Amino acid sequence: MKSKTLLLIKPDAVQAGNIGEIIKLIEDDGFTIEQLNVFHMEDELAAKFYAEHLGKEFYDRLVKFMQRGNVIGLILKREDAVNNLRELIGNTDSSKAASGTIRNLFGNHDIITSNAVHASDCPESAKREIGLIFPEYKY
């Protein structure tokens, strides 16, 4: 059965002009784009989206990074969408991401938050995150 997940193309990848290449990799891997949204992560959205990280040493740095420019949100559909997308994007630390993964290709290997994309880590997170980025979407 096909499922859905969320992908965010982070400001570093947007500013570097990598949107099209990232989307091509996603589509070539069998994902269908259900919705796409260009937005700026305002304070209220950032606080809700990253609530689980509040109080951690990297929280403020992560929020500031995500607010430095436009973000592209995509709802993606495919068999086992969460796991397949996590495999396609690679390790959170782009310097450790497997060759050919999105983070390996487009992440900054010196700055861990500058890893080009975010993907939901489980189906429950996907549903919650899609609801935050696409509040009008009926999951």
Protein backbone atom coordinates (compact mmCIF):
# COMPACT_ATOMS: atom_id res chain seq x y z
CA MET A 1 0.00 0.00 0.00
CA LYS A 2 1.26 3.45 -0.86
CA SER A 3 1.91 5.85 2.00
CA LYS A 4 2.86 9.50 2.35
CA THR A 5 5.73 11.40 3.86
CA LEU A 6 7.07 14.93 4.07
CA LEU A 7 10.25 16.30 2.55
CA LEU A 8 11.58 19.78 3.20
CA ILE A 9 14.21 21.23 0.91
CA LYS A 10 16.13 23.44 3.32
CA PRO A 11 17.21 27.06 2.68
CA ASP A 12 20.80 26.07 1.87
CA ALA A 13 19.71 23.85 -1.01
CA VAL A 14 17.11 26.38 -2.19
CA GLN A 15 19.69 29.20 -2.22
CA ALA A 16 22.20 26.97 -4.03
CA GLY A 17 19.68 26.32 -6.84
CA ASN A 18 19.37 22.59 -6.17
CA ILE A 19 15.55 22.32 -6.06
CA GLY A 20 15.15 20.85 -9.55
CA GLU A 21 17.94 18.30 -9.16
CA ILE A 22 16.57 17.14 -5.79
CA ILE A 23 13.04 16.80 -7.16
CA LYS A 24 14.36 14.86 -10.17
CA LEU A 25 16.12 12.37 -7.87
CA ILE A 26 12.90 11.96 -5.88
CA GLU A 27 10.76 11.38 -8.97
CA ASP A 28 13.35 9.06 -10.51
CA ASP A 29 13.16 7.00 -7.31
CA GLY A 30 9.43 6.42 -7.83
CA PHE A 31 7.87 9.09 -5.62
CA THR A 32 4.80 11.04 -6.71
CA ILE A 33 4.47 14.64 -5.57
CA GLU A 34 1.04 15.14 -3.99
CA GLN A 35 1.59 18.80 -3.05
CA LEU A 36 4.38 21.36 -3.12
CA ASN A 37 4.63 24.58 -1.12
CA VAL A 38 7.22 27.37 -1.02
CA PHE A 39 7.22 29.11 2.37
CA HIS A 40 9.25 30.87 5.02
CA MET A 41 9.42 29.13 8.39
CA GLU A 42 8.09 31.78 10.75
CA ASP A 43 8.64 31.62 14.53
CA GLU A 44 5.33 29.93 15.40
CA LEU A 45 5.73 27.21 12.77
CA ALA A 46 9.37 26.60 13.71
CA ALA A 47 8.43 26.27 17.40
CA LYS A 48 5.75 23.68 16.59
CA PHE A 49 7.80 21.81 13.98
CA TYR A 50 10.89 21.47 16.18
CA ALA A 51 9.13 21.22 19.57
CA GLU A 52 10.74 17.84 20.30
CA HIS A 53 14.17 19.50 20.18
CA LEU A 54 13.35 22.45 22.49
CA GLY A 55 16.03 22.71 25.16
CA LYS A 56 18.68 20.85 23.16
CA GLU A 57 21.93 22.71 22.47
CA PHE A 58 21.32 22.86 18.71
CA TYR A 59 17.67 24.05 18.84
CA ASP A 60 18.28 27.80 18.40
CA ARG A 61 20.91 27.23 15.69
CA LEU A 62 18.56 24.89 13.79
CA VAL A 63 15.59 27.29 13.95
CA LYS A 64 17.75 30.24 12.86
CA PHE A 65 19.14 28.19 9.97
CA MET A 66 15.66 27.13 8.81
CA GLN A 67 14.49 30.76 8.88
CA ARG A 68 17.30 32.17 6.75
CA GLY A 69 15.41 31.74 3.48
CA ASN A 70 12.66 29.95 1.63
CA VAL A 71 11.88 26.30 2.27
CA ILE A 72 10.20 23.92 -0.18
CA GLY A 73 7.71 21.51 1.38
CA LEU A 74 6.62 18.40 -0.53
CA ILE A 75 4.09 15.72 0.30
CA LEU A 76 5.42 12.57 -1.35
CA LYS A 77 3.63 9.28 -2.03
CA ARG A 78 5.08 5.84 -2.66
CA GLU A 79 5.22 2.32 -1.24
CA ASP A 80 6.80 2.52 2.23
CA ALA A 81 7.35 6.24 1.63
CA VAL A 82 9.04 7.10 4.94
CA ASN A 83 11.69 4.39 4.80
CA ASN A 84 12.35 4.73 1.08
CA LEU A 85 12.79 8.49 1.36
CA ARG A 86 15.08 8.18 4.40
CA GLU A 87 17.25 5.80 2.38
CA LEU A 88 17.31 8.18 -0.60
CA ILE A 89 18.32 11.22 1.46
CA GLY A 90 21.09 9.52 3.48
CA ASN A 91 22.64 10.13 6.87
CA THR A 92 21.83 13.36 8.75
CA ASP A 93 25.55 14.13 8.73
CA SER A 94 26.10 14.65 5.01
CA SER A 95 29.80 13.84 5.37
CA LYS A 96 28.74 10.31 6.40
CA ALA A 97 25.90 9.96 3.87
CA ALA A 98 26.26 7.20 1.30
CA SER A 99 27.46 8.16 -2.16
CA GLY A 100 24.62 9.25 -4.44
CA THR A 101 22.21 10.16 -1.63
CA ILE A 102 20.68 13.63 -1.60
CA ARG A 103 22.59 14.73 1.49
CA ASN A 104 25.86 13.40 0.09
CA LEU A 105 25.32 15.25 -3.18
CA PHE A 106 23.92 18.55 -1.87
CA GLY A 107 24.77 18.85 1.84
CA ASN A 108 27.58 20.95 3.28
CA HIS A 109 29.93 18.32 4.72
CA ASP A 110 31.28 20.83 7.27
CA ILE A 111 27.99 22.01 8.84
CA ILE A 112 25.58 19.29 10.02
CA THR A 113 22.39 21.44 9.86
CA SER A 114 23.26 22.43 6.29
CA ASN A 115 22.33 18.99 4.92
CA ALA A 116 19.96 20.10 2.14
CA VAL A 117 16.79 18.28 3.22
CA HIS A 118 14.60 17.09 6.07
CA ALA A 119 12.44 13.96 5.86
CA SER A 120 9.96 12.57 8.37
CA ASP A 121 11.44 9.75 10.45
CA CYS A 122 8.29 7.65 10.96
CA PRO A 123 4.67 7.54 9.72
CA GLU A 124 3.41 9.33 12.84
CA SER A 125 5.91 12.15 12.34
CA ALA A 126 4.96 12.36 8.67
CA LYS A 127 1.30 12.85 9.54
CA ARG A 128 2.12 15.50 12.20
CA GLU A 129 4.62 17.35 9.99
CA ILE A 130 2.36 17.32 6.92
CA GLY A 131 -0.38 18.82 9.10
CA LEU A 132 1.94 21.64 10.16
CA ILE A 133 3.31 22.49 6.71
CA PHE A 134 0.07 21.84 4.80
CA PRO A 135 -2.72 22.62 7.33
CA GLU A 136 -5.43 22.45 4.63
CA TYR A 137 -4.33 18.97 3.45
CA LYS A 138 -6.57 16.05 4.37
CA TYR A 139 -4.21 13.21 5.23
